Amino acid sequence: MSEGPSLTMINSSSKVIPQILNFECPGQVHSLGKLWNGDAFLGTLPDLDLCHITFYESHFVLWVRIDEMAIKGYSAYIKVWRHRNRWVPTPSSNSYGQVDRENYSELKLQAGLLHASPAYLVSQPDNGSYGVYSDSTTLATTRLTSNTTSLYIVRHGELADGSTVSYRLRIPTSVDYDVGGISLIYSSAEVFSWKKSGSKSVLVLYGGEDETHEFAIPQALGMPSTVEGIGLHIASAGSSHATVIKWSVQPERRVVHFGEQLEIHLLWRNNAYKYWVLDLPVAGVLQRHASLSRTNSSVIVKAGYLLRTAEVVDTRLKLTGDLNATTELEVIAAPPNINVVTFNGKCVDTKKLAGRLTGSLKFKAPSIKLSDLATQQWHYTDSLPEIQRGYNDQRWTVCNHTHSTNTRNLTTPFSLYATDYGYHAGSLIYRGHFTANGSETALYLLTEGGYAYGHSVWLSYTHLGSWPGSSAEMFHNETLSLPHKEMEPGTSYVITVVIDHMGYDENFPANTTFMKDPRGLLDYSLQGRAKAAVTWKITGNHGGEQYVDHSRGPLNEGGSFAERQGYHLPGAPLHHEFTAALAPTKTPIHQPGLEFWATSFNLNLPAEYDIPISVAFSNTTVTSSGTDASSRSAQFRCVLFVNGWQFGKYVNHIGPQSHFPIPEGILNHNGSNYLALSVWAQDTHSFQLAGLQLQAEAIILRGYEKPSLVPAERFAPRMLTY
């Protein structure tokens, strides 16, 4: 576009987005670190604390910052971190997340804009400014320019400022945003998308509720031929040869028609979430892939929860998608010859209103019944036989490495780092052998397992103590008293240390090796004895790097006895190796240790519905005795297995996650399922699980084929187990 001396003034009032980082120079490679919305980890970005704004706004902040830098491509390995609704035992100690609906909707708005705005792909950002493009010195404006179009990103200059600001945006001449051959001179509202419907261009704009926006189009289009809705201020700006339309965003939609040339939908942001842009399949390699050639081979449809695909056959628009409620269907833009709409193969009763096909997609939730885990037959076994008299650890891995490739220098005679012995995930167990001489009074330990990990320690069969863990600590040292008066000189004793493994660290800054931080037992001291007096052995998952369950991968199992035996797998010999018992919600656990519980249950859910099922824990509390009795969360950890797959780690006293979604295909929605729990009690008070149940998180009529079960190994006796 040509630059001229005149300025276009745009009046706007909106909750503009706060800054995340200072301006960078164009052309650089940028990194946007991540954050937690709470807990101990608050992010790697300077001065970043988004806890005071709502969740969807925090994502809005991040995406606006990405747009502002004119980033053309990015890698995002976690889309959501707030709820940690899915625990995945990955090599990152904070790799939690499940795609949240709010974040998904924000991503969809971003995708719509970028898909419809090829000028963004060739734009370059300036360095940003205050008071140059706007009449506010508290708002920062970044201009993105290309050969044909300019885009302006306006945001608060201060992160803490969440106020609503009225401002005027001054831009040279026009923005000239192409809408299918029609120039959108400027718009302060955000573009969701635009498509062609025959010869007519259909544009969708949106903004936040009560924001004031305006846009301008060429005067040659004339005044609107029809307006749906009220509250629009329409004026002709003769000096700029433009028609200007101004409005205050409300939940009620407005639609402005300019004959058969242009149709503009003005939406509230929350309603824009209900709009879907779907590409129609075309012949050749393009199929449904995005392309600039698609402006007249795509559809815009309002349809609520989710649309998956669209296809046109003759005069029929065939849609597939998901429903969670009865929903209004409206075809916003499509080939003009469409007169029939189907949804998931069924015809939709439609009529034309204002030239658009509309109808209703009916939803009726089925009646479902889930098994009551509290009344199922359970089986139990001790999963820490290592502290029993006579336990044989002959097959354990001997800690005998005199050096380590780890970046932490050894402070013990031999390396005790789990990595050096091929154990990289799941719980770790150490056994330290020594012969007492009567001088041993205390044991010092330094362990590391990642944030929120924990450890427990026994001397032979006597529990010395447990570190319950903290979300702010990734390693911990403590000194434990030994019952030295009861220890007989010349007698052999075994120190057993159980350590949780929460995954390896990530390398946030460049040129660092945080991911090499060791896991396991880092240092120790047996007071009154030399370190060499204790010889150590270690175990983790059965086989270590030579793991045996290839179907589920190397991160599925830990070092507990039951896991090493494979008792978490379907077909485990419950009736031979286990003791029949009531549910763990009805059976008290009296002392620290590891217990393994298992049961089976059946499901019979309707095949046409997607019904996400979670295993839900209730917080368990204990009450201390004495005059100052008080209630607190019981200290225990629980690893959840469903049909042999590890699908959650519940830490009762730390949390925050208590619901663990199990996808269909792992969970058999029409048949038998095997559920197992590895319960690690760290509390010295008796407790029993307060609640454990199956819970339907949603009931959704789905538009995709029923998933088949993931093939995976079943239980078989393992060679050389211990």
Foldseek 3Di string as FASTA:
>chain_A
DDFDPDKDKWWKKAQFAEAQDAFDAAPDDDDDWDAEQDFQTGIDGPPDHPVVDDDLSVLVNVVLVCLQNLDQDDDDPAQDQHFLQFADLDQALRPGHDDDLSSVLVVLQVVQQCLAAVQSNAWIKHRWAACPFKVGRQKIWIWTDDPAFIDIRIHGHHNVDRDIDIMMGIDGQFGQGDQLNWGFRDKPFDWSHWAAADQAIETETEGAAQMKMKTKTACVLPAFPDKDDDAWDWDQDVVSRIIMIMGTADQDKMWTHSDRHYIYIYHHSVQSSQKDKFFEADDDPCGRPRDPVRRQRIWIKRWPDWWDHWYDDQQEIETEWKDFAKTKIKTRGHHLSHDWYHYLRHTFDWDDDPSITIGIDHDDFDDFDFDFLQFFWKWKDFFCCVLPPPDDPPVFAWQAACADPFPDGAPARGDPFPVVVQAFAWKKKKKKKFFDALQFWKKKFKFFAAAQKKKWKDKRNHTQAIGLGGNNDGMDMDMTTDPSVPHDGRDMIMMMMMIGHSHAHDDPDPPDPSSRDTGTTRDMDGPPDDSVRITMTMFWAAPRNHHDWPLQDDHFGIGTQCRNQLCLAPPRPRVPRTHIDGRLLPDKDAAFHKMKMKGKDFAADDQQKFWWKKKFFDFWWDWDDDPPIDIATFAKWKFKGKNSGTIDIAGRRHDDHGITTDGDLSDPNGTMMMIMMIMGGRGNHMTGGNDIGMDGPGIMRGSDGRDHHRDTDGRDGDPPGD
